[in-house]
Amino acid sequence: MKGMPQQINAKLVQALLHEQHPDLAELPITFGAFGWDNQMWRLGEDLAVRLPWSTEGADELLLKEYVVLPAMALRLPLPIPVPERLGSPSVLFPRTWIVTSWVHGEPADRAPVTRGIEAAAMLAAFLAALHQAAPGDAPISRDRRGGSLAAIQEGFLRSLQEAVDRQLIPDADEVRRVWDDAVAAPAWAGPLVWLHADLHPANVLTKEGNFCGIIDFGDMCAGDPSCDLSAAWLLLPDGMMDHFHARYAPALDAATIRRARGWALSKALVCLVIGDNGVQGKPGGKATWGPPGKAAIQRLIRSQI
């Protein structure tokens, strides 16, 4: 990992702004959130500073956002964090960082949507607008997202076994039935499209019962749209999947829906385990991730294939 200061705090963020963007340096700075790759600090009312703090390669992900997202935001029907300033490595901080717009709202793992039909239409419209053919030089996922489900089967089976060992799922055979059907579905034959690739409840914001923003595009890549379409199983209330599928354009074929179910199952298991880690007080655990993961698995098991 590239060299890092021992602690990222408000004083360091302000010093970086004084060094490289002094016109922003006197705005109030408050802690926002820890992500897997970055820390986020709120800057005034309408900006955020994002700095890599853990994984190798997070700098490149921020640069990708800085280059791609400003133009992409113009076609999307929901607000996203648009990069506005670039921070360069320096003596104060040896990695790339960015200043983006702040997206207002509450994460859906804490404030789930309640206006189901409206939310289904909004999520479908957002994904249809996002899922445009990606250029040939668009990045491919570092975690195989948007590729073949068979390529992530080993990780899926590990997550399933962990959930079974912790007694987090009621019927492993039913979970495996859904997964096996998804893996057997015909592969995506269309062009690779732009994906968010990390649409889980903590990366989707809500207000007054509906979606109001999408954040954290660090895993954005080109791939099979079923990877993103899977998010509807974790984000929408019961009974909304038909509404969502009907409003996504172009029309969804049965194979894409089957693959989306597999991606949803994989994400839901991860949410379930991370949620249990949070309940047990383990590092990196997020207790609010458990309920949407559990609800999604129950929906997938109950639904018809």
Protein backbone atom coordinates (compact mmCIF):
# COMPACT_ATOMS: atom_id res chain seq x y z
CA MET A 1 0.00 0.00 0.00
CA LYS A 2 1.17 3.50 -0.75
CA GLY A 3 2.36 5.50 2.23
CA MET A 4 -0.41 6.94 4.34
CA PRO A 5 -0.48 9.43 7.19
CA GLN A 6 -1.27 7.81 10.51
CA GLN A 7 -4.63 9.55 10.76
CA ILE A 8 -7.00 11.34 8.41
CA ASN A 9 -8.89 14.01 10.28
CA ALA A 10 -10.55 17.39 9.74
CA LYS A 11 -7.26 19.20 10.35
CA LEU A 12 -5.57 17.27 7.53
CA VAL A 13 -8.49 17.83 5.16
CA GLN A 14 -8.36 21.56 5.82
CA ALA A 15 -4.59 21.63 5.31
CA LEU A 16 -4.96 19.87 1.95
CA LEU A 17 -7.59 22.36 0.87
CA HIS A 18 -5.37 25.29 1.91
CA GLU A 19 -2.55 23.74 -0.10
CA GLN A 20 -4.43 22.99 -3.33
CA HIS A 21 -7.92 24.56 -3.25
CA PRO A 22 -7.64 27.54 -0.87
CA ASP A 23 -11.01 29.00 -1.92
CA LEU A 24 -12.67 26.02 -0.22
CA ALA A 25 -10.48 25.83 2.87
CA GLU A 26 -12.66 27.89 5.21
CA LEU A 27 -15.82 25.88 4.69
CA PRO A 28 -16.94 23.79 7.69
CA ILE A 29 -15.57 20.23 7.67
CA THR A 30 -17.39 17.34 9.34
CA PHE A 31 -16.90 13.59 9.16
CA GLY A 32 -19.15 11.82 6.68
CA ALA A 33 -18.49 8.08 6.49
CA PHE A 34 -15.95 5.28 6.21
CA GLY A 35 -16.15 3.34 2.94
CA TRP A 36 -14.21 0.24 1.95
CA ASP A 37 -11.80 2.33 -0.12
CA ASN A 38 -12.26 5.95 0.96
CA GLN A 39 -13.11 8.22 3.83
CA MET A 40 -15.68 10.92 3.11
CA TRP A 41 -15.73 14.30 4.80
CA ARG A 42 -18.55 16.78 4.29
CA LEU A 43 -17.41 20.21 3.16
CA GLY A 44 -19.91 22.96 3.83
CA GLU A 45 -23.49 22.13 2.81
CA ASP A 46 -23.01 20.97 -0.76
CA LEU A 47 -19.54 19.41 -1.16
CA ALA A 48 -17.63 16.35 0.03
CA VAL A 49 -13.95 15.41 0.17
CA ARG A 50 -13.09 11.76 -0.50
CA LEU A 51 -9.65 10.41 0.40
CA PRO A 52 -8.30 6.85 -0.03
CA TRP A 53 -7.59 5.30 3.31
CA SER A 54 -7.33 1.53 2.93
CA THR A 55 -7.13 -0.46 -0.28
CA GLU A 56 -4.45 -0.30 -2.94
CA GLY A 57 -5.86 1.02 -6.19
CA ALA A 58 -8.40 3.39 -4.63
CA ASP A 59 -6.55 6.34 -6.22
CA GLU A 60 -7.26 4.97 -9.68
CA LEU A 61 -10.92 4.51 -8.82
CA LEU A 62 -11.20 8.16 -7.81
CA LEU A 63 -9.48 9.26 -11.01
CA LYS A 64 -11.96 7.14 -12.99
CA GLU A 65 -14.84 8.92 -11.29
CA TYR A 66 -13.22 12.31 -11.92
CA VAL A 67 -12.98 11.62 -15.66
CA VAL A 68 -16.25 9.78 -16.33
CA LEU A 69 -18.93 11.01 -13.93
CA PRO A 70 -19.35 14.71 -14.90
CA ALA A 71 -20.64 13.85 -18.38
CA MET A 72 -22.55 10.78 -17.20
CA ALA A 73 -24.41 12.79 -14.54
CA LEU A 74 -26.08 14.87 -17.24
CA ARG A 75 -28.14 11.92 -18.47
CA LEU A 76 -29.09 10.39 -15.12
CA PRO A 77 -32.46 11.13 -13.48
CA LEU A 78 -31.09 10.96 -9.91
CA PRO A 79 -28.32 13.06 -8.34
CA ILE A 80 -24.88 11.46 -8.08
CA PRO A 81 -21.64 12.80 -6.52
CA VAL A 82 -20.12 14.81 -9.37
CA PRO A 83 -16.34 15.39 -9.04
CA GLU A 84 -15.53 19.11 -9.03
CA ARG A 85 -11.90 19.32 -7.92
CA LEU A 86 -8.92 16.97 -8.09
CA GLY A 87 -6.39 16.71 -5.28
CA SER A 88 -2.87 15.60 -6.16
CA PRO A 89 -0.43 13.62 -4.01
CA SER A 90 1.79 15.86 -1.88
CA VAL A 91 3.95 15.84 1.22
CA LEU A 92 0.80 16.24 3.31
CA PHE A 93 -1.00 13.28 1.74
CA PRO A 94 0.66 10.88 -0.73
CA ARG A 95 -2.44 9.81 -2.68
CA THR A 96 -4.98 11.26 -5.12
CA TRP A 97 -8.18 12.66 -3.61
CA ILE A 98 -11.23 14.49 -4.95
CA VAL A 99 -13.87 17.06 -4.04
CA THR A 100 -17.37 16.14 -5.22
CA SER A 101 -20.89 17.43 -4.87
CA TRP A 102 -22.70 16.24 -1.75
CA VAL A 103 -25.80 14.14 -2.45
CA HIS A 104 -28.53 14.76 0.11
CA GLY A 105 -30.57 11.88 1.53
CA GLU A 106 -30.47 8.92 3.92
CA PRO A 107 -28.92 5.55 3.02
CA ALA A 108 -31.56 2.98 2.16
CA ASP A 109 -30.22 0.51 4.72
CA ARG A 110 -31.33 3.01 7.38
CA ALA A 111 -34.35 4.48 5.59
CA PRO A 112 -35.85 1.92 3.18
CA VAL A 113 -38.22 3.08 0.46
CA THR A 114 -41.93 2.93 1.28
CA ARG A 115 -43.49 4.31 -1.92
CA GLY A 116 -42.92 1.07 -3.78
CA ILE A 117 -44.45 1.72 -7.20
CA GLU A 118 -42.85 5.16 -7.51
CA ALA A 119 -39.51 3.80 -6.31
CA ALA A 120 -39.65 0.90 -8.77
CA ALA A 121 -40.22 3.33 -11.63
CA MET A 122 -37.43 5.62 -10.43
CA LEU A 123 -34.87 2.83 -10.06
CA ALA A 124 -35.80 1.43 -13.49
CA ALA A 125 -35.43 4.87 -15.09
CA PHE A 126 -32.05 5.44 -13.44
CA LEU A 127 -30.65 2.08 -14.54
CA ALA A 128 -32.01 2.40 -18.07
CA ALA A 129 -30.28 5.78 -18.38
CA LEU A 130 -27.04 4.45 -16.89
CA HIS A 131 -26.92 1.25 -18.96
CA GLN A 132 -25.66 2.78 -22.19
CA ALA A 133 -23.08 0.95 -24.31
CA ALA A 134 -19.65 1.52 -22.77
CA PRO A 135 -16.63 2.50 -24.90
CA GLY A 136 -14.01 -0.09 -25.70
CA ASP A 137 -11.58 1.36 -23.17
CA ALA A 138 -14.08 1.27 -20.28
CA PRO A 139 -12.71 -0.57 -17.24
CA ILE A 140 -13.65 -4.14 -16.41
CA SER A 141 -14.46 -4.89 -12.79
CA ARG A 142 -11.61 -5.71 -10.43
CA ASP A 143 -14.01 -8.14 -8.69
CA ARG A 144 -15.54 -9.78 -11.81
CA ARG A 145 -18.78 -7.86 -11.35
CA GLY A 146 -20.82 -7.71 -14.52
CA GLY A 147 -19.15 -10.84 -15.87
CA SER A 148 -20.10 -14.50 -15.66
CA LEU A 149 -21.82 -15.75 -12.51
CA ALA A 150 -19.80 -18.95 -12.84
CA ALA A 151 -16.65 -16.86 -12.31
CA ILE A 152 -17.81 -15.83 -8.82
CA GLN A 153 -19.28 -19.19 -7.80
CA GLU A 154 -16.41 -20.02 -5.45
CA GLY A 155 -16.96 -16.80 -3.53
CA PHE A 156 -20.71 -17.34 -3.52
CA LEU A 157 -20.34 -20.81 -2.04
CA ARG A 158 -18.04 -19.46 0.68
CA SER A 159 -20.62 -16.82 1.59
CA LEU A 160 -23.39 -19.40 1.56
CA GLN A 161 -21.46 -21.74 3.84
CA GLU A 162 -20.66 -18.91 6.23
CA ALA A 163 -24.33 -17.92 6.36
CA VAL A 164 -25.28 -21.56 7.00
CA ASP A 165 -22.67 -21.93 9.74
CA ARG A 166 -24.04 -18.83 11.46
CA GLN A 167 -27.64 -20.06 11.02
CA LEU A 168 -28.56 -16.92 9.09
CA ILE A 169 -30.63 -18.55 6.34
CA PRO A 170 -33.61 -20.89 6.72
CA ASP A 171 -33.06 -23.22 3.77
CA ALA A 172 -29.71 -23.58 2.01
CA ASP A 173 -31.20 -25.94 -0.59
CA GLU A 174 -33.70 -23.31 -1.72
CA VAL A 175 -30.94 -20.70 -1.93
CA ARG A 176 -28.85 -23.09 -4.00
CA ARG A 177 -31.83 -23.77 -6.29
CA VAL A 178 -32.09 -20.07 -7.16
CA TRP A 179 -28.32 -19.82 -7.67
CA ASP A 180 -28.04 -22.88 -9.90
CA ASP A 181 -30.83 -21.61 -12.14
CA ALA A 182 -29.12 -18.23 -12.47
CA VAL A 183 -25.77 -19.77 -13.37
CA ALA A 184 -27.48 -21.94 -16.00
CA ALA A 185 -29.13 -18.95 -17.71
CA PRO A 186 -27.82 -17.97 -21.17
CA ALA A 187 -25.00 -15.42 -21.07
CA TRP A 188 -25.46 -11.75 -21.94
CA ALA A 189 -25.18 -11.39 -25.72
CA GLY A 190 -25.54 -7.62 -26.00
CA PRO A 191 -22.91 -4.88 -25.79
CA LEU A 192 -21.17 -4.29 -22.48
CA VAL A 193 -22.88 -1.37 -20.76
CA TRP A 194 -21.88 1.07 -18.04
CA LEU A 195 -22.56 -0.38 -14.59
CA HIS A 196 -22.52 1.13 -11.14
CA ALA A 197 -21.57 -2.41 -9.99
CA ASP A 198 -21.99 -1.75 -6.25
CA LEU A 199 -25.68 -1.00 -5.81
CA HIS A 200 -26.44 -2.12 -2.29
CA PRO A 201 -28.68 -0.30 0.22
CA ALA A 202 -25.90 1.80 1.76
CA ASN A 203 -25.04 3.28 -1.67
CA VAL A 204 -28.60 4.34 -2.51
CA LEU A 205 -30.19 7.36 -0.82
CA THR A 206 -33.83 7.96 0.01
CA LYS A 207 -36.08 10.82 1.01
CA GLU A 208 -39.79 10.73 1.88
CA GLY A 209 -40.06 7.07 0.91
CA ASN A 210 -38.50 7.25 -2.56
CA PHE A 211 -35.01 7.16 -4.03
CA CYS A 212 -33.26 10.53 -4.18
CA GLY A 213 -29.62 9.79 -5.07
CA ILE A 214 -26.96 7.19 -5.87
CA ILE A 215 -23.44 7.37 -4.43
CA ASP A 216 -20.05 5.59 -4.54
CA PHE A 217 -19.25 4.92 -8.19
CA GLY A 218 -15.76 3.60 -7.42
CA ASP A 219 -16.56 0.16 -8.86
CA MET A 220 -18.10 1.56 -12.05
CA CYS A 221 -17.23 -0.68 -14.99
CA ALA A 222 -18.52 -2.22 -18.23
CA GLY A 223 -20.47 -5.46 -18.16
CA ASP A 224 -23.76 -7.36 -18.14
CA PRO A 225 -26.64 -5.14 -16.92
CA SER A 226 -28.03 -7.98 -14.78
CA CYS A 227 -25.37 -7.13 -12.18
CA ASP A 228 -27.07 -3.77 -11.49
CA LEU A 229 -30.62 -4.98 -12.08
CA SER A 230 -30.15 -7.32 -9.15
CA ALA A 231 -30.25 -4.35 -6.79
CA ALA A 232 -34.02 -4.12 -7.08
CA TRP A 233 -34.35 -7.30 -4.99
CA LEU A 234 -32.49 -5.61 -2.10
CA LEU A 235 -33.94 -2.12 -2.47
CA LEU A 236 -37.65 -2.45 -3.26
CA PRO A 237 -40.47 -3.59 -0.96
CA ASP A 238 -42.24 -6.91 -1.47
CA GLY A 239 -44.37 -7.21 -4.59
CA MET A 240 -42.53 -4.60 -6.64
CA MET A 241 -40.36 -6.69 -8.96
CA ASP A 242 -42.93 -6.94 -11.75
CA HIS A 243 -43.40 -3.16 -11.65
CA PHE A 244 -39.62 -2.69 -11.83
CA HIS A 245 -39.12 -5.12 -14.71
CA ALA A 246 -42.01 -3.58 -16.69
CA ARG A 247 -40.58 -0.08 -16.42
CA TYR A 248 -36.99 -0.84 -17.34
CA ALA A 249 -36.33 -0.13 -21.01
CA PRO A 250 -35.28 -1.88 -23.16
CA ALA A 251 -37.53 -4.80 -22.26
CA LEU A 252 -35.91 -7.47 -20.14
CA ASP A 253 -35.57 -11.01 -21.44
CA ALA A 254 -36.03 -14.00 -19.15
CA ALA A 255 -32.33 -14.91 -19.14
CA THR A 256 -31.30 -11.45 -17.89
CA ILE A 257 -33.86 -11.65 -15.10
CA ARG A 258 -32.53 -15.08 -14.10
CA ARG A 259 -28.92 -13.83 -14.01
CA ALA A 260 -30.02 -10.79 -12.00
CA ARG A 261 -31.49 -13.14 -9.42
CA GLY A 262 -28.08 -14.79 -9.04
CA TRP A 263 -26.32 -11.46 -8.57
CA ALA A 264 -28.99 -10.44 -6.06
CA LEU A 265 -28.47 -13.65 -4.09
CA SER A 266 -24.72 -13.12 -4.00
CA LYS A 267 -25.10 -9.53 -2.78
CA ALA A 268 -27.76 -10.47 -0.25
CA LEU A 269 -25.56 -13.13 1.34
CA VAL A 270 -22.72 -10.63 1.69
CA CYS A 271 -25.10 -8.11 3.28
CA LEU A 272 -26.38 -10.80 5.63
CA VAL A 273 -22.88 -11.73 6.84
CA ILE A 274 -21.72 -8.11 7.16
CA GLY A 275 -24.93 -7.34 9.05
CA ASP A 276 -24.28 -10.22 11.45
CA ASN A 277 -20.73 -8.95 11.94
CA GLY A 278 -22.24 -5.64 12.97
CA VAL A 279 -24.61 -7.27 15.44
CA GLN A 280 -21.65 -9.11 16.97
CA GLY A 281 -19.48 -5.98 17.08
CA LYS A 282 -16.87 -7.34 14.68
CA PRO A 283 -14.62 -4.92 12.71
CA GLY A 284 -16.20 -3.82 9.44
CA GLY A 285 -19.62 -5.03 10.48
CA LYS A 286 -22.71 -2.97 9.63
CA ALA A 287 -25.80 -4.13 11.48
CA THR A 288 -28.17 -2.21 9.17
CA TRP A 289 -27.08 -4.35 6.20
CA GLY A 290 -28.58 -7.52 7.61
CA PRO A 291 -32.33 -6.81 7.28
CA PRO A 292 -32.29 -5.93 3.54
CA GLY A 293 -30.10 -8.95 2.84
CA LYS A 294 -32.47 -11.25 4.71
CA ALA A 295 -35.55 -9.76 3.03
CA ALA A 296 -34.01 -10.14 -0.43
CA ILE A 297 -33.19 -13.82 0.15
CA GLN A 298 -36.74 -14.47 1.30
CA ARG A 299 -38.14 -12.72 -1.81
CA LEU A 300 -35.87 -14.70 -4.10
CA ILE A 301 -36.78 -18.03 -2.52
CA ARG A 302 -40.51 -17.27 -2.68
CA SER A 303 -40.48 -15.99 -6.25
CA GLN A 304 -41.07 -18.16 -9.27
CA ILE A 305 -38.20 -19.01 -11.63
